Amino acid sequence: MKELVKVIAVSLVDHPEEVVVTERETDKAIIIELHVAQDDMGKVIGKQGRIAKAIRSVVKAAASGEEKKVIVDIA
């Protein structure tokens, strides 16, 4: 999942070298944190959060076989 989020984010931003994706796991969920440059936050979030919602939907679909819930956090 981490690689999927990174590929999507790198294709959206102007500063792909500043994209950092971390993954941590809890008992019930896998939390993926996406960090981008401050200038690129708007591109990753999108108008009214549409792009962020789309990223979360794609990751949720890709993780449908997982037993745990996958959460994408954009920081």
C-alpha atoms as a PDB file:
ATOM      1  CA  MET A   1       0.000   0.000   0.000  1.00  0.00           C
ATOM      2  CA  LYS A   2       2.858   2.346   0.837  1.00  0.00           C
ATOM      3  CA  GLU A   3       4.246   2.122  -2.693  1.00  0.00           C
ATOM      4  CA  LEU A   4       0.834   2.774  -4.249  1.00  0.00           C
ATOM      5  CA  VAL A   5       0.363   5.992  -2.271  1.00  0.00           C
ATOM      6  CA  LYS A   6       3.892   7.129  -3.155  1.00  0.00           C
ATOM      7  CA  VAL A   7       3.377   6.547  -6.894  1.00  0.00           C
ATOM      8  CA  ILE A   8       0.126   8.502  -6.870  1.00  0.00           C
ATOM      9  CA  ALA A   9       1.567  11.384  -4.831  1.00  0.00           C
ATOM     10  CA  VAL A  10       4.757  11.699  -6.899  1.00  0.00           C
ATOM     11  CA  SER A  11       2.693  12.008 -10.075  1.00  0.00           C
ATOM     12  CA  LEU A  12       0.650  14.874  -8.582  1.00  0.00           C
ATOM     13  CA  VAL A  13       3.279  17.155  -7.025  1.00  0.00           C
ATOM     14  CA  ASP A  14       5.876  19.640  -8.330  1.00  0.00           C
ATOM     15  CA  HIS A  15       8.525  18.510  -5.817  1.00  0.00           C
ATOM     16  CA  PRO A  16       8.526  14.689  -5.987  1.00  0.00           C
ATOM     17  CA  GLU A  17      11.795  14.466  -4.057  1.00  0.00           C
ATOM     18  CA  GLU A  18       9.998  15.754  -0.948  1.00  0.00           C
ATOM     19  CA  VAL A  19       7.302  13.056  -0.934  1.00  0.00           C
ATOM     20  CA  VAL A  20       7.653  10.830   2.133  1.00  0.00           C
ATOM     21  CA  VAL A  21       5.303   7.937   2.843  1.00  0.00           C
ATOM     22  CA  THR A  22       5.431   6.060   6.145  1.00  0.00           C
ATOM     23  CA  GLU A  23       3.425   3.060   7.209  1.00  0.00           C
ATOM     24  CA  ARG A  24       2.634   1.859  10.700  1.00  0.00           C
ATOM     25  CA  GLU A  25       0.450  -0.943  11.863  1.00  0.00           C
ATOM     26  CA  THR A  26      -1.889  -1.216  14.851  1.00  0.00           C
ATOM     27  CA  ASP A  27      -4.053  -4.094  16.003  1.00  0.00           C
ATOM     28  CA  LYS A  28      -6.983  -3.174  13.772  1.00  0.00           C
ATOM     29  CA  ALA A  29      -5.580  -0.826  11.113  1.00  0.00           C
ATOM     30  CA  ILE A  30      -2.706   0.025   8.827  1.00  0.00           C
ATOM     31  CA  ILE A  31      -2.003   3.765   8.888  1.00  0.00           C
ATOM     32  CA  ILE A  32      -0.256   5.294   5.880  1.00  0.00           C
ATOM     33  CA  GLU A  33       1.037   8.833   6.389  1.00  0.00           C
ATOM     34  CA  LEU A  34       1.781  11.011   3.376  1.00  0.00           C
ATOM     35  CA  HIS A  35       4.062  14.039   3.754  1.00  0.00           C
ATOM     36  CA  VAL A  36       4.584  16.471   0.863  1.00  0.00           C
ATOM     37  CA  ALA A  37       6.107  19.936   0.460  1.00  0.00           C
ATOM     38  CA  GLN A  38       3.961  22.774   1.775  1.00  0.00           C
ATOM     39  CA  ASP A  39       3.564  24.159  -1.772  1.00  0.00           C
ATOM     40  CA  ASP A  40       2.142  20.820  -2.954  1.00  0.00           C
ATOM     41  CA  MET A  41      -0.495  20.332  -0.239  1.00  0.00           C
ATOM     42  CA  GLY A  42      -3.233  21.855  -2.380  1.00  0.00           C
ATOM     43  CA  LYS A  43      -2.421  19.536  -5.271  1.00  0.00           C
ATOM     44  CA  VAL A  44      -2.641  16.440  -3.090  1.00  0.00           C
ATOM     45  CA  ILE A  45      -5.816  17.530  -1.291  1.00  0.00           C
ATOM     46  CA  GLY A  46      -7.613  19.087  -4.266  1.00  0.00           C
ATOM     47  CA  LYS A  47     -10.673  21.292  -4.362  1.00  0.00           C
ATOM     48  CA  GLN A  48     -12.983  20.344  -1.495  1.00  0.00           C
ATOM     49  CA  GLY A  49     -10.734  17.349  -0.778  1.00  0.00           C
ATOM     50  CA  ARG A  50     -11.661  15.494  -3.960  1.00  0.00           C
ATOM     51  CA  ILE A  51      -8.169  14.251  -4.796  1.00  0.00           C
ATOM     52  CA  ALA A  52      -7.528  13.156  -1.196  1.00  0.00           C
ATOM     53  CA  LYS A  53     -10.830  11.294  -1.228  1.00  0.00           C
ATOM     54  CA  ALA A  54      -9.912   9.632  -4.537  1.00  0.00           C
ATOM     55  CA  ILE A  55      -6.531   8.521  -3.163  1.00  0.00           C
ATOM     56  CA  ARG A  56      -8.260   7.019  -0.120  1.00  0.00           C
ATOM     57  CA  SER A  57     -10.792   5.236  -2.362  1.00  0.00           C
ATOM     58  CA  VAL A  58      -8.070   3.685  -4.532  1.00  0.00           C
ATOM     59  CA  VAL A  59      -6.125   2.502  -1.488  1.00  0.00           C
ATOM     60  CA  LYS A  60      -9.288   1.115   0.097  1.00  0.00           C
ATOM     61  CA  ALA A  61     -10.064  -0.841  -3.076  1.00  0.00           C
ATOM     62  CA  ALA A  62      -6.495  -2.151  -3.278  1.00  0.00           C
ATOM     63  CA  ALA A  63      -6.653  -3.234   0.373  1.00  0.00           C
ATOM     64  CA  SER A  64      -9.964  -5.059   0.084  1.00  0.00           C
ATOM     65  CA  GLY A  65      -8.205  -8.393   0.593  1.00  0.00           C
ATOM     66  CA  GLU A  66      -6.536  -7.233   3.801  1.00  0.00           C
ATOM     67  CA  GLU A  67      -8.034  -8.149   7.145  1.00  0.00           C
ATOM     68  CA  LYS A  68      -7.220  -4.729   8.581  1.00  0.00           C
ATOM     69  CA  LYS A  69      -8.635  -1.310   7.787  1.00  0.00           C
ATOM     70  CA  VAL A  70      -6.296   0.967   5.821  1.00  0.00           C
ATOM     71  CA  ILE A  71      -6.201   4.670   6.740  1.00  0.00           C
ATOM     72  CA  VAL A  72      -4.456   7.291   4.592  1.00  0.00           C
ATOM     73  CA  ASP A  73      -3.416  10.375   6.568  1.00  0.00           C
ATOM     74  CA  ILE A  74      -2.158  13.428   4.660  1.00  0.00           C
ATOM     75  CA  ALA A  75       0.104  15.479   6.913  1.00  0.00           C
END
